[in-house]
Amino acid sequence: MAFLHRVVNGNGALDREYAIGSRRMDLCLRYGGPHPVTMGMELKVWRDGEADPLEEELVQLDEYLAGLGLDCGWLVIFDRRSGLPPIAQRTTVERITSPQGRTIAVIRA
């Protein structure tokens, strides 16, 4: 999350919402001058023995974005399963539509 503090850089706020016990974290980044930008994000770590979290997290992100009044958001999935290529070789970005019709940027790293 440290890289997001550089985006804010004194001209915005980074709000974190931890869902203790559910292994989820929501982030709301607000920055900018006269026309501020609000971005809703969900961060998830994918570990060995777990299923791909994409579908479940899209539902959760939809709820979060609805609460923020946003039509788009970001889902970042950090794939920590063993035996994968280096992060530089497996990082991808894909735009998909959530179950409620929102545009989601899915970053897998």
PDB file of N, CA and C in Angstrom:
ATOM      1  N   MET A   1       0.811  -1.205   0.000  1.00  0.00           N
ATOM      2  CA  MET A   1       0.000   0.000   0.000  1.00  0.00           C
ATOM      3  C   MET A   1       0.851   1.264   0.000  1.00  0.00           C
ATOM      4  N   ALA A   2       2.135   1.101   0.264  1.00  0.00           N
ATOM      5  CA  ALA A   2       2.991   2.282   0.322  1.00  0.00           C
ATOM      6  C   ALA A   2       3.001   3.054  -0.986  1.00  0.00           C
ATOM      7  N   PHE A   3       2.924   2.332  -2.119  1.00  0.00           N
ATOM      8  CA  PHE A   3       2.923   3.030  -3.401  1.00  0.00           C
ATOM      9  C   PHE A   3       1.703   3.926  -3.553  1.00  0.00           C
ATOM     10  N   LEU A   4       0.584   3.583  -2.924  1.00  0.00           N
ATOM     11  CA  LEU A   4      -0.616   4.418  -3.008  1.00  0.00           C
ATOM     12  C   LEU A   4      -0.459   5.717  -2.239  1.00  0.00           C
ATOM     13  N   HIS A   5       0.349   5.705  -1.186  1.00  0.00           N
ATOM     14  CA  HIS A   5       0.601   6.938  -0.447  1.00  0.00           C
ATOM     15  C   HIS A   5       1.304   7.962  -1.330  1.00  0.00           C
ATOM     16  N   ARG A   6       2.118   7.503  -2.265  1.00  0.00           N
ATOM     17  CA  ARG A   6       2.778   8.413  -3.206  1.00  0.00           C
ATOM     18  C   ARG A   6       1.758   9.043  -4.157  1.00  0.00           C
ATOM     19  N   VAL A   7       0.721   8.297  -4.514  1.00  0.00           N
ATOM     20  CA  VAL A   7      -0.332   8.847  -5.366  1.00  0.00           C
ATOM     21  C   VAL A   7      -1.052   9.966  -4.623  1.00  0.00           C
ATOM     22  N   VAL A   8      -1.372   9.730  -3.380  1.00  0.00           N
ATOM     23  CA  VAL A   8      -2.070  10.718  -2.565  1.00  0.00           C
ATOM     24  C   VAL A   8      -1.175  11.939  -2.343  1.00  0.00           C
ATOM     25  N   ASN A   9       0.070  11.708  -1.909  1.00  0.00           N
ATOM     26  CA  ASN A   9       1.092  12.736  -1.767  1.00  0.00           C
ATOM     27  C   ASN A   9       0.591  14.051  -1.167  1.00  0.00           C
ATOM     28  N   GLY A  10      -0.148  13.973  -0.075  1.00  0.00           N
ATOM     29  CA  GLY A  10      -0.593  15.175   0.620  1.00  0.00           C
ATOM     30  C   GLY A  10      -1.809  15.836   0.003  1.00  0.00           C
ATOM     31  N   ASN A  11      -2.312  15.313  -1.104  1.00  0.00           N
ATOM     32  CA  ASN A  11      -3.449  15.933  -1.775  1.00  0.00           C
ATOM     33  C   ASN A  11      -4.627  14.962  -1.852  1.00  0.00           C
ATOM     34  N   GLY A  12      -4.780  14.150  -0.810  1.00  0.00           N
ATOM     35  CA  GLY A  12      -5.877  13.196  -0.804  1.00  0.00           C
ATOM     36  C   GLY A  12      -5.837  12.327   0.428  1.00  0.00           C
ATOM     37  N   ALA A  13      -6.515  11.194   0.339  1.00  0.00           N
ATOM     38  CA  ALA A  13      -6.590  10.287   1.488  1.00  0.00           C
ATOM     39  C   ALA A  13      -6.652   8.844   1.009  1.00  0.00           C
ATOM     40  N   LEU A  14      -6.097   7.959   1.803  1.00  0.00           N
ATOM     41  CA  LEU A  14      -6.164   6.524   1.551  1.00  0.00           C
ATOM     42  C   LEU A  14      -6.865   5.889   2.747  1.00  0.00           C
ATOM     43  N   ASP A  15      -8.087   5.434   2.531  1.00  0.00           N
ATOM     44  CA  ASP A  15      -8.868   4.809   3.592  1.00  0.00           C
ATOM     45  C   ASP A  15      -8.756   3.301   3.460  1.00  0.00           C
ATOM     46  N   ARG A  16      -8.491   2.644   4.587  1.00  0.00           N
ATOM     47  CA  ARG A  16      -8.385   1.184   4.611  1.00  0.00           C
ATOM     48  C   ARG A  16      -9.505   0.617   5.469  1.00  0.00           C
ATOM     49  N   GLU A  17     -10.111  -0.443   4.963  1.00  0.00           N
ATOM     50  CA  GLU A  17     -11.139  -1.141   5.725  1.00  0.00           C
ATOM     51  C   GLU A  17     -10.748  -2.605   5.805  1.00  0.00           C
ATOM     52  N   TYR A  18     -10.396  -3.051   6.985  1.00  0.00           N
ATOM     53  CA  TYR A  18     -10.007  -4.444   7.187  1.00  0.00           C
ATOM     54  C   TYR A  18     -11.216  -5.238   7.641  1.00  0.00           C
ATOM     55  N   ALA A  19     -11.461  -6.349   6.989  1.00  0.00           N
ATOM     56  CA  ALA A  19     -12.525  -7.256   7.410  1.00  0.00           C
ATOM     57  C   ALA A  19     -11.843  -8.388   8.173  1.00  0.00           C
ATOM     58  N   ILE A  20     -11.616  -8.152   9.438  1.00  0.00           N
ATOM     59  CA  ILE A  20     -10.891  -9.101  10.270  1.00  0.00           C
ATOM     60  C   ILE A  20     -11.597 -10.455  10.234  1.00  0.00           C
ATOM     61  N   GLY A  21     -10.817 -11.511  10.032  1.00  0.00           N
ATOM     62  CA  GLY A  21     -11.363 -12.854   9.992  1.00  0.00           C
ATOM     63  C   GLY A  21     -11.779 -13.305   8.606  1.00  0.00           C
ATOM     64  N   SER A  22     -12.007 -12.369   7.704  1.00  0.00           N
ATOM     65  CA  SER A  22     -12.410 -12.753   6.344  1.00  0.00           C
ATOM     66  C   SER A  22     -11.247 -12.698   5.368  1.00  0.00           C
ATOM     67  N   ARG A  23     -10.085 -12.232   5.837  1.00  0.00           N
ATOM     68  CA  ARG A  23      -8.874 -12.137   5.008  1.00  0.00           C
ATOM     69  C   ARG A  23      -9.083 -11.219   3.819  1.00  0.00           C
ATOM     70  N   ARG A  24      -9.816 -10.133   4.029  1.00  0.00           N
ATOM     71  CA  ARG A  24     -10.095  -9.169   2.970  1.00  0.00           C
ATOM     72  C   ARG A  24      -9.674  -7.776   3.408  1.00  0.00           C
ATOM     73  N   MET A  25      -9.360  -6.967   2.421  1.00  0.00           N
ATOM     74  CA  MET A  25      -9.076  -5.568   2.692  1.00  0.00           C
ATOM     75  C   MET A  25      -9.624  -4.730   1.549  1.00  0.00           C
ATOM     76  N   ASP A  26     -10.364  -3.683   1.888  1.00  0.00           N
ATOM     77  CA  ASP A  26     -10.858  -2.723   0.912  1.00  0.00           C
ATOM     78  C   ASP A  26     -10.057  -1.447   1.071  1.00  0.00           C
ATOM     79  N   LEU A  27      -9.807  -0.801  -0.045  1.00  0.00           N
ATOM     80  CA  LEU A  27      -9.101   0.474  -0.031  1.00  0.00           C
ATOM     81  C   LEU A  27      -9.919   1.491  -0.815  1.00  0.00           C
ATOM     82  N   CYS A  28      -9.969   2.700  -0.308  1.00  0.00           N
ATOM     83  CA  CYS A  28     -10.603   3.790  -1.022  1.00  0.00           C
ATOM     84  C   CYS A  28      -9.567   4.904  -1.128  1.00  0.00           C
ATOM     85  N   LEU A  29      -9.183   5.219  -2.353  1.00  0.00           N
ATOM     86  CA  LEU A  29      -8.174   6.236  -2.621  1.00  0.00           C
ATOM     87  C   LEU A  29      -8.883   7.465  -3.154  1.00  0.00           C
ATOM     88  N   ARG A  30      -8.679   8.595  -2.479  1.00  0.00           N
ATOM     89  CA  ARG A  30      -9.255   9.869  -2.920  1.00  0.00           C
ATOM     90  C   ARG A  30      -8.102  10.848  -3.106  1.00  0.00           C
ATOM     91  N   TYR A  31      -8.032  11.456  -4.285  1.00  0.00           N
ATOM     92  CA  TYR A  31      -6.969  12.427  -4.523  1.00  0.00           C
ATOM     93  C   TYR A  31      -7.396  13.413  -5.592  1.00  0.00           C
ATOM     94  N   GLY A  32      -6.649  14.487  -5.711  1.00  0.00           N
ATOM     95  CA  GLY A  32      -6.897  15.474  -6.761  1.00  0.00           C
ATOM     96  C   GLY A  32      -7.338  16.808  -6.202  1.00  0.00           C
ATOM     97  N   GLY A  33      -7.302  17.772  -7.061  1.00  0.00           N
ATOM     98  CA  GLY A  33      -7.641  19.152  -6.700  1.00  0.00           C
ATOM     99  C   GLY A  33      -9.111  19.443  -6.825  1.00  0.00           C
ATOM    100  N   PRO A  34      -9.465  20.339  -7.748  1.00  0.00           N
ATOM    101  CA  PRO A  34     -10.864  20.783  -7.846  1.00  0.00           C
ATOM    102  C   PRO A  34     -11.826  19.694  -8.301  1.00  0.00           C
ATOM    103  N   HIS A  35     -11.319  18.667  -8.994  1.00  0.00           N
ATOM    104  CA  HIS A  35     -12.154  17.544  -9.437  1.00  0.00           C
ATOM    105  C   HIS A  35     -11.558  16.250  -8.891  1.00  0.00           C
ATOM    106  N   PRO A  36     -11.779  15.973  -7.607  1.00  0.00           N
ATOM    107  CA  PRO A  36     -11.136  14.813  -6.980  1.00  0.00           C
ATOM    108  C   PRO A  36     -11.568  13.489  -7.602  1.00  0.00           C
ATOM    109  N   VAL A  37     -10.669  12.534  -7.531  1.00  0.00           N
ATOM    110  CA  VAL A  37     -10.890  11.185  -8.046  1.00  0.00           C
ATOM    111  C   VAL A  37     -11.054  10.248  -6.857  1.00  0.00           C
ATOM    112  N   THR A  38     -12.036   9.356  -6.939  1.00  0.00           N
ATOM    113  CA  THR A  38     -12.233   8.330  -5.917  1.00  0.00           C
ATOM    114  C   THR A  38     -12.108   6.968  -6.588  1.00  0.00           C
ATOM    115  N   MET A  39     -11.262   6.123  -6.012  1.00  0.00           N
ATOM    116  CA  MET A  39     -11.043   4.784  -6.551  1.00  0.00           C
ATOM    117  C   MET A  39     -11.281   3.754  -5.452  1.00  0.00           C
ATOM    118  N   GLY A  40     -12.102   2.749  -5.746  1.00  0.00           N
ATOM    119  CA  GLY A  40     -12.342   1.653  -4.812  1.00  0.00           C
ATOM    120  C   GLY A  40     -11.551   0.432  -5.248  1.00  0.00           C
ATOM    121  N   MET A  41     -10.881  -0.216  -4.284  1.00  0.00           N
ATOM    122  CA  MET A  41     -10.037  -1.367  -4.594  1.00  0.00           C
ATOM    123  C   MET A  41     -10.246  -2.473  -3.582  1.00  0.00           C
ATOM    124  N   GLU A  42     -10.047  -3.675  -4.062  1.00  0.00           N
ATOM    125  CA  GLU A  42     -10.053  -4.861  -3.207  1.00  0.00           C
ATOM    126  C   GLU A  42      -8.722  -5.563  -3.411  1.00  0.00           C
ATOM    127  N   LEU A  43      -8.065  -5.930  -2.324  1.00  0.00           N
ATOM    128  CA  LEU A  43      -6.806  -6.660  -2.378  1.00  0.00           C
ATOM    129  C   LEU A  43      -7.033  -8.059  -1.829  1.00  0.00           C
ATOM    130  N   LYS A  44      -6.479  -9.046  -2.520  1.00  0.00           N
ATOM    131  CA  LYS A  44      -6.635 -10.430  -2.085  1.00  0.00           C
ATOM    132  C   LYS A  44      -5.336 -11.182  -2.337  1.00  0.00           C
ATOM    133  N   VAL A  45      -4.952 -12.046  -1.399  1.00  0.00           N
ATOM    134  CA  VAL A  45      -3.794 -12.917  -1.570  1.00  0.00           C
ATOM    135  C   VAL A  45      -4.313 -14.322  -1.840  1.00  0.00           C
ATOM    136  N   TRP A  46      -3.839 -14.924  -2.934  1.00  0.00           N
ATOM    137  CA  TRP A  46      -4.217 -16.273  -3.332  1.00  0.00           C
ATOM    138  C   TRP A  46      -3.110 -17.206  -2.874  1.00  0.00           C
ATOM    139  N   ARG A  47      -3.443 -18.126  -1.961  1.00  0.00           N
ATOM    140  CA  ARG A  47      -2.451 -19.028  -1.371  1.00  0.00           C
ATOM    141  C   ARG A  47      -2.672 -20.471  -1.833  1.00  0.00           C
ATOM    142  N   ASP A  48      -1.643 -21.279  -1.640  1.00  0.00           N
ATOM    143  CA  ASP A  48      -1.731 -22.707  -1.963  1.00  0.00           C
ATOM    144  C   ASP A  48      -2.966 -23.322  -1.316  1.00  0.00           C
ATOM    145  N   GLY A  49      -3.621 -24.212  -2.051  1.00  0.00           N
ATOM    146  CA  GLY A  49      -4.781 -24.931  -1.518  1.00  0.00           C
ATOM    147  C   GLY A  49      -6.091 -24.177  -1.627  1.00  0.00           C
ATOM    148  N   GLU A  50      -6.070 -22.948  -2.106  1.00  0.00           N
ATOM    149  CA  GLU A  50      -7.289 -22.155  -2.247  1.00  0.00           C
ATOM    150  C   GLU A  50      -7.715 -22.128  -3.709  1.00  0.00           C
ATOM    151  N   ALA A  51      -9.012 -21.913  -3.933  1.00  0.00           N
ATOM    152  CA  ALA A  51      -9.534 -21.745  -5.290  1.00  0.00           C
ATOM    153  C   ALA A  51      -9.257 -20.324  -5.768  1.00  0.00           C
ATOM    154  N   ASP A  52      -9.314 -20.129  -7.075  1.00  0.00           N
ATOM    155  CA  ASP A  52      -9.156 -18.791  -7.643  1.00  0.00           C
ATOM    156  C   ASP A  52     -10.197 -17.870  -6.992  1.00  0.00           C
ATOM    157  N   PRO A  53      -9.774 -16.772  -6.375  1.00  0.00           N
ATOM    158  CA  PRO A  53     -10.692 -15.908  -5.639  1.00  0.00           C
ATOM    159  C   PRO A  53     -11.498 -14.944  -6.505  1.00  0.00           C
ATOM    160  N   LEU A  54     -11.321 -14.959  -7.809  1.00  0.00           N
ATOM    161  CA  LEU A  54     -11.905 -13.942  -8.682  1.00  0.00           C
ATOM    162  C   LEU A  54     -13.409 -13.777  -8.489  1.00  0.00           C
ATOM    163  N   GLU A  55     -14.185 -14.817  -8.664  1.00  0.00           N
ATOM    164  CA  GLU A  55     -15.650 -14.694  -8.629  1.00  0.00           C
ATOM    165  C   GLU A  55     -16.156 -14.186  -7.282  1.00  0.00           C
ATOM    166  N   GLU A  56     -15.650 -14.768  -6.208  1.00  0.00           N
ATOM    167  CA  GLU A  56     -16.077 -14.352  -4.863  1.00  0.00           C
ATOM    168  C   GLU A  56     -15.713 -12.892  -4.593  1.00  0.00           C
ATOM    169  N   GLU A  57     -14.534 -12.506  -5.003  1.00  0.00           N
ATOM    170  CA  GLU A  57     -14.074 -11.133  -4.741  1.00  0.00           C
ATOM    171  C   GLU A  57     -14.817 -10.112  -5.593  1.00  0.00           C
ATOM    172  N   LEU A  58     -15.248 -10.498  -6.799  1.00  0.00           N
ATOM    173  CA  LEU A  58     -16.036  -9.575  -7.618  1.00  0.00           C
ATOM    174  C   LEU A  58     -17.354  -9.237  -6.944  1.00  0.00           C
ATOM    175  N   VAL A  59     -17.983 -10.216  -6.330  1.00  0.00           N
ATOM    176  CA  VAL A  59     -19.235  -9.974  -5.602  1.00  0.00           C
ATOM    177  C   VAL A  59     -18.980  -9.023  -4.436  1.00  0.00           C
ATOM    178  N   GLN A  60     -17.916  -9.284  -3.686  1.00  0.00           N
ATOM    179  CA  GLN A  60     -17.589  -8.441  -2.539  1.00  0.00           C
ATOM    180  C   GLN A  60     -17.239  -7.022  -2.992  1.00  0.00           C
ATOM    181  N   LEU A  61     -16.481  -6.909  -4.091  1.00  0.00           N
ATOM    182  CA  LEU A  61     -16.108  -5.593  -4.606  1.00  0.00           C
ATOM    183  C   LEU A  61     -17.332  -4.827  -5.096  1.00  0.00           C
ATOM    184  N   ASP A  62     -18.274  -5.520  -5.725  1.00  0.00           N
ATOM    185  CA  ASP A  62     -19.523  -4.882  -6.151  1.00  0.00           C
ATOM    186  C   ASP A  62     -20.220  -4.203  -4.977  1.00  0.00           C
ATOM    187  N   GLU A  63     -20.302  -4.905  -3.855  1.00  0.00           N
ATOM    188  CA  GLU A  63     -20.950  -4.341  -2.664  1.00  0.00           C
ATOM    189  C   GLU A  63     -20.204  -3.102  -2.176  1.00  0.00           C
ATOM    190  N   TYR A  64     -18.894  -3.177  -2.154  1.00  0.00           N
ATOM    191  CA  TYR A  64     -18.085  -2.051  -1.699  1.00  0.00           C
ATOM    192  C   TYR A  64     -18.245  -0.854  -2.632  1.00  0.00           C
ATOM    193  N   LEU A  65     -18.184  -1.088  -3.935  1.00  0.00           N
ATOM    194  CA  LEU A  65     -18.314   0.007  -4.900  1.00  0.00           C
ATOM    195  C   LEU A  65     -19.707   0.628  -4.852  1.00  0.00           C
ATOM    196  N   ALA A  66     -20.726  -0.204  -4.621  1.00  0.00           N
ATOM    197  CA  ALA A  66     -22.086   0.320  -4.488  1.00  0.00           C
ATOM    198  C   ALA A  66     -22.160   1.291  -3.310  1.00  0.00           C
ATOM    199  N   GLY A  67     -21.521   0.934  -2.213  1.00  0.00           N
ATOM    200  CA  GLY A  67     -21.496   1.813  -1.041  1.00  0.00           C
ATOM    201  C   GLY A  67     -20.772   3.124  -1.294  1.00  0.00           C
ATOM    202  N   LEU A  68     -19.790   3.092  -2.190  1.00  0.00           N
ATOM    203  CA  LEU A  68     -19.050   4.306  -2.545  1.00  0.00           C
ATOM    204  C   LEU A  68     -19.724   5.083  -3.675  1.00  0.00           C
ATOM    205  N   GLY A  69     -20.725   4.470  -4.308  1.00  0.00           N
ATOM    206  CA  GLY A  69     -21.389   5.114  -5.438  1.00  0.00           C
ATOM    207  C   GLY A  69     -20.537   5.136  -6.696  1.00  0.00           C
ATOM    208  N   LEU A  70     -19.695   4.098  -6.884  1.00  0.00           N
ATOM    209  CA  LEU A  70     -18.783   4.044  -8.030  1.00  0.00           C
ATOM    210  C   LEU A  70     -19.221   2.997  -9.047  1.00  0.00           C
ATOM    211  N   ASP A  71     -18.943   3.265 -10.324  1.00  0.00           N
ATOM    212  CA  ASP A  71     -19.273   2.348 -11.411  1.00  0.00           C
ATOM    213  C   ASP A  71     -18.093   1.499 -11.859  1.00  0.00           C
ATOM    214  N   CYS A  72     -16.922   1.744 -11.277  1.00  0.00           N
ATOM    215  CA  CYS A  72     -15.743   0.971 -11.660  1.00  0.00           C
ATOM    216  C   CYS A  72     -14.826   0.839 -10.447  1.00  0.00           C
ATOM    217  N   GLY A  73     -13.936  -0.153 -10.509  1.00  0.00           N
ATOM    218  CA  GLY A  73     -13.019  -0.378  -9.398  1.00  0.00           C
ATOM    219  C   GLY A  73     -11.869  -1.270  -9.818  1.00  0.00           C
ATOM    220  N   TRP A  74     -11.060  -1.605  -8.846  1.00  0.00           N
ATOM    221  CA  TRP A  74      -9.854  -2.398  -9.071  1.00  0.00           C
ATOM    222  C   TRP A  74      -9.881  -3.606  -8.152  1.00  0.00           C
ATOM    223  N   LEU A  75      -9.495  -4.757  -8.685  1.00  0.00           N
ATOM    224  CA  LEU A  75      -9.295  -5.967  -7.900  1.00  0.00           C
ATOM    225  C   LEU A  75      -7.861  -6.409  -8.128  1.00  0.00           C
ATOM    226  N   VAL A  76      -7.083  -6.445  -7.054  1.00  0.00           N
ATOM    227  CA  VAL A  76      -5.686  -6.848  -7.137  1.00  0.00           C
ATOM    228  C   VAL A  76      -5.545  -8.195  -6.443  1.00  0.00           C
ATOM    229  N   ILE A  77      -5.107  -9.204  -7.194  1.00  0.00           N
ATOM    230  CA  ILE A  77      -4.924 -10.546  -6.646  1.00  0.00           C
ATOM    231  C   ILE A  77      -3.432 -10.856  -6.653  1.00  0.00           C
ATOM    232  N   PHE A  78      -2.867 -10.971  -5.461  1.00  0.00           N
ATOM    233  CA  PHE A  78      -1.463 -11.338  -5.310  1.00  0.00           C
ATOM    234  C   PHE A  78      -1.395 -12.864  -5.219  1.00  0.00           C
ATOM    235  N   ASP A  79      -0.853 -13.498  -6.256  1.00  0.00           N
ATOM    236  CA  ASP A  79      -0.806 -14.951  -6.326  1.00  0.00           C
ATOM    237  C   ASP A  79       0.463 -15.444  -5.628  1.00  0.00           C
ATOM    238  N   ARG A  80       0.300 -15.975  -4.431  1.00  0.00           N
ATOM    239  CA  ARG A  80       1.427 -16.426  -3.612  1.00  0.00           C
ATOM    240  C   ARG A  80       1.556 -17.947  -3.611  1.00  0.00           C
ATOM    241  N   ARG A  81       0.916 -18.619  -4.580  1.00  0.00           N
ATOM    242  CA  ARG A  81       1.033 -20.071  -4.650  1.00  0.00           C
ATOM    243  C   ARG A  81       2.458 -20.446  -5.048  1.00  0.00           C
ATOM    244  N   SER A  82       2.887 -21.592  -4.588  1.00  0.00           N
ATOM    245  CA  SER A  82       4.255 -22.035  -4.870  1.00  0.00           C
ATOM    246  C   SER A  82       4.384 -22.508  -6.318  1.00  0.00           C
ATOM    247  N   GLY A  83       5.628 -22.471  -6.824  1.00  0.00           N
ATOM    248  CA  GLY A  83       5.935 -22.999  -8.139  1.00  0.00           C
ATOM    249  C   GLY A  83       5.574 -22.105  -9.306  1.00  0.00           C
ATOM    250  N   LEU A  84       5.308 -20.844  -9.072  1.00  0.00           N
ATOM    251  CA  LEU A  84       4.937 -19.936 -10.156  1.00  0.00           C
ATOM    252  C   LEU A  84       6.167 -19.222 -10.711  1.00  0.00           C
ATOM    253  N   PRO A  85       6.093 -18.737 -11.957  1.00  0.00           N
ATOM    254  CA  PRO A  85       7.196 -17.942 -12.508  1.00  0.00           C
ATOM    255  C   PRO A  85       7.371 -16.643 -11.703  1.00  0.00           C
ATOM    256  N   PRO A  86       8.475 -15.945 -11.913  1.00  0.00           N
ATOM    257  CA  PRO A  86       8.684 -14.665 -11.229  1.00  0.00           C
ATOM    258  C   PRO A  86       7.528 -13.689 -11.509  1.00  0.00           C
ATOM    259  N   ILE A  87       7.287 -12.797 -10.571  1.00  0.00           N
ATOM    260  CA  ILE A  87       6.148 -11.873 -10.655  1.00  0.00           C
ATOM    261  C   ILE A  87       6.165 -11.037 -11.935  1.00  0.00           C
ATOM    262  N   ALA A  88       7.342 -10.661 -12.410  1.00  0.00           N
ATOM    263  CA  ALA A  88       7.436  -9.857 -13.631  1.00  0.00           C
ATOM    264  C   ALA A  88       6.906 -10.618 -14.850  1.00  0.00           C
ATOM    265  N   GLN A  89       6.987 -11.929 -14.819  1.00  0.00           N
ATOM    266  CA  GLN A  89       6.541 -12.744 -15.953  1.00  0.00           C
ATOM    267  C   GLN A  89       5.056 -13.106 -15.886  1.00  0.00           C
ATOM    268  N   ARG A  90       4.451 -12.988 -14.719  1.00  0.00           N
ATOM    269  CA  ARG A  90       3.057 -13.433 -14.584  1.00  0.00           C
ATOM    270  C   ARG A  90       2.078 -12.320 -14.246  1.00  0.00           C
ATOM    271  N   THR A  91       2.535 -11.088 -14.194  1.00  0.00           N
ATOM    272  CA  THR A  91       1.639  -9.983 -13.882  1.00  0.00           C
ATOM    273  C   THR A  91       0.793  -9.638 -15.106  1.00  0.00           C
ATOM    274  N   THR A  92      -0.516  -9.583 -14.903  1.00  0.00           N
ATOM    275  CA  THR A  92      -1.443  -9.275 -15.989  1.00  0.00           C
ATOM    276  C   THR A  92      -2.476  -8.254 -15.527  1.00  0.00           C
ATOM    277  N   VAL A  93      -3.062  -7.563 -16.498  1.00  0.00           N
ATOM    278  CA  VAL A  93      -4.162  -6.635 -16.247  1.00  0.00           C
ATOM    279  C   VAL A  93      -5.263  -6.967 -17.239  1.00  0.00           C
ATOM    280  N   GLU A  94      -6.480  -7.079 -16.735  1.00  0.00           N
ATOM    281  CA  GLU A  94      -7.623  -7.417 -17.577  1.00  0.00           C
ATOM    282  C   GLU A  94      -8.821  -6.593 -17.118  1.00  0.00           C
ATOM    283  N   ARG A  95      -9.584  -6.083 -18.044  1.00  0.00           N
ATOM    284  CA  ARG A  95     -10.826  -5.377 -17.712  1.00  0.00           C
ATOM    285  C   ARG A  95     -11.979  -6.366 -17.892  1.00  0.00           C
ATOM    286  N   ILE A  96     -12.789  -6.493 -16.829  1.00  0.00           N
ATOM    287  CA  ILE A  96     -13.941  -7.386 -16.892  1.00  0.00           C
ATOM    288  C   ILE A  96     -15.158  -6.660 -16.339  1.00  0.00           C
ATOM    289  N   THR A  97     -16.324  -7.265 -16.517  1.00  0.00           N
ATOM    290  CA  THR A  97     -17.569  -6.708 -15.991  1.00  0.00           C
ATOM    291  C   THR A  97     -17.987  -7.518 -14.775  1.00  0.00           C
ATOM    292  N   SER A  98     -18.303  -6.821 -13.695  1.00  0.00           N
ATOM    293  CA  SER A  98     -18.709  -7.480 -12.456  1.00  0.00           C
ATOM    294  C   SER A  98     -20.136  -8.007 -12.582  1.00  0.00           C
ATOM    295  N   PRO A  99     -20.577  -8.827 -11.621  1.00  0.00           N
ATOM    296  CA  PRO A  99     -21.951  -9.343 -11.665  1.00  0.00           C
ATOM    297  C   PRO A  99     -23.012  -8.232 -11.715  1.00  0.00           C
ATOM    298  N   GLN A 100     -22.719  -7.061 -11.134  1.00  0.00           N
ATOM    299  CA  GLN A 100     -23.678  -5.957 -11.147  1.00  0.00           C
ATOM    300  C   GLN A 100     -23.398  -4.952 -12.258  1.00  0.00           C
ATOM    301  N   GLY A 101     -22.532  -5.323 -13.220  1.00  0.00           N
ATOM    302  CA  GLY A 101     -22.314  -4.492 -14.397  1.00  0.00           C
ATOM    303  C   GLY A 101     -21.260  -3.413 -14.283  1.00  0.00           C
ATOM    304  N   ARG A 102     -20.438  -3.467 -13.250  1.00  0.00           N
ATOM    305  CA  ARG A 102     -19.373  -2.480 -13.096  1.00  0.00           C
ATOM    306  C   ARG A 102     -18.127  -2.913 -13.876  1.00  0.00           C
ATOM    307  N   THR A 103     -17.356  -1.939 -14.310  1.00  0.00           N
ATOM    308  CA  THR A 103     -16.086  -2.211 -14.993  1.00  0.00           C
ATOM    309  C   THR A 103     -15.011  -2.389 -13.933  1.00  0.00           C
ATOM    310  N   ILE A 104     -14.338  -3.525 -13.955  1.00  0.00           N
ATOM    311  CA  ILE A 104     -13.317  -3.844 -12.959  1.00  0.00           C
ATOM    312  C   ILE A 104     -11.993  -4.109 -13.660  1.00  0.00           C
ATOM    313  N   ALA A 105     -10.952  -3.446 -13.189  1.00  0.00           N
ATOM    314  CA  ALA A 105      -9.592  -3.747 -13.628  1.00  0.00           C
ATOM    315  C   ALA A 105      -9.053  -4.825 -12.697  1.00  0.00           C
ATOM    316  N   VAL A 106      -8.786  -5.996 -13.242  1.00  0.00           N
ATOM    317  CA  VAL A 106      -8.261  -7.112 -12.453  1.00  0.00           C
ATOM    318  C   VAL A 106      -6.770  -7.205 -12.713  1.00  0.00           C
ATOM    319  N   ILE A 107      -6.005  -6.999 -11.662  1.00  0.00           N
ATOM    320  CA  ILE A 107      -4.553  -7.099 -11.740  1.00  0.00           C
ATOM    321  C   ILE A 107      -4.154  -8.363 -11.008  1.00  0.00           C
ATOM    322  N   ARG A 108      -3.478  -9.249 -11.711  1.00  0.00           N
ATOM    323  CA  ARG A 108      -2.974 -10.478 -11.093  1.00  0.00           C
ATOM    324  C   ARG A 108      -1.468 -10.383 -11.067  1.00  0.00           C
ATOM    325  N   ALA A 109      -0.898 -10.552  -9.877  1.00  0.00           N
ATOM    326  CA  ALA A 109       0.557 -10.442  -9.730  1.00  0.00           C
ATOM    327  C   ALA A 109       1.071 -11.514  -8.791  1.00  0.00           C
TER     328      ALA A 109
END
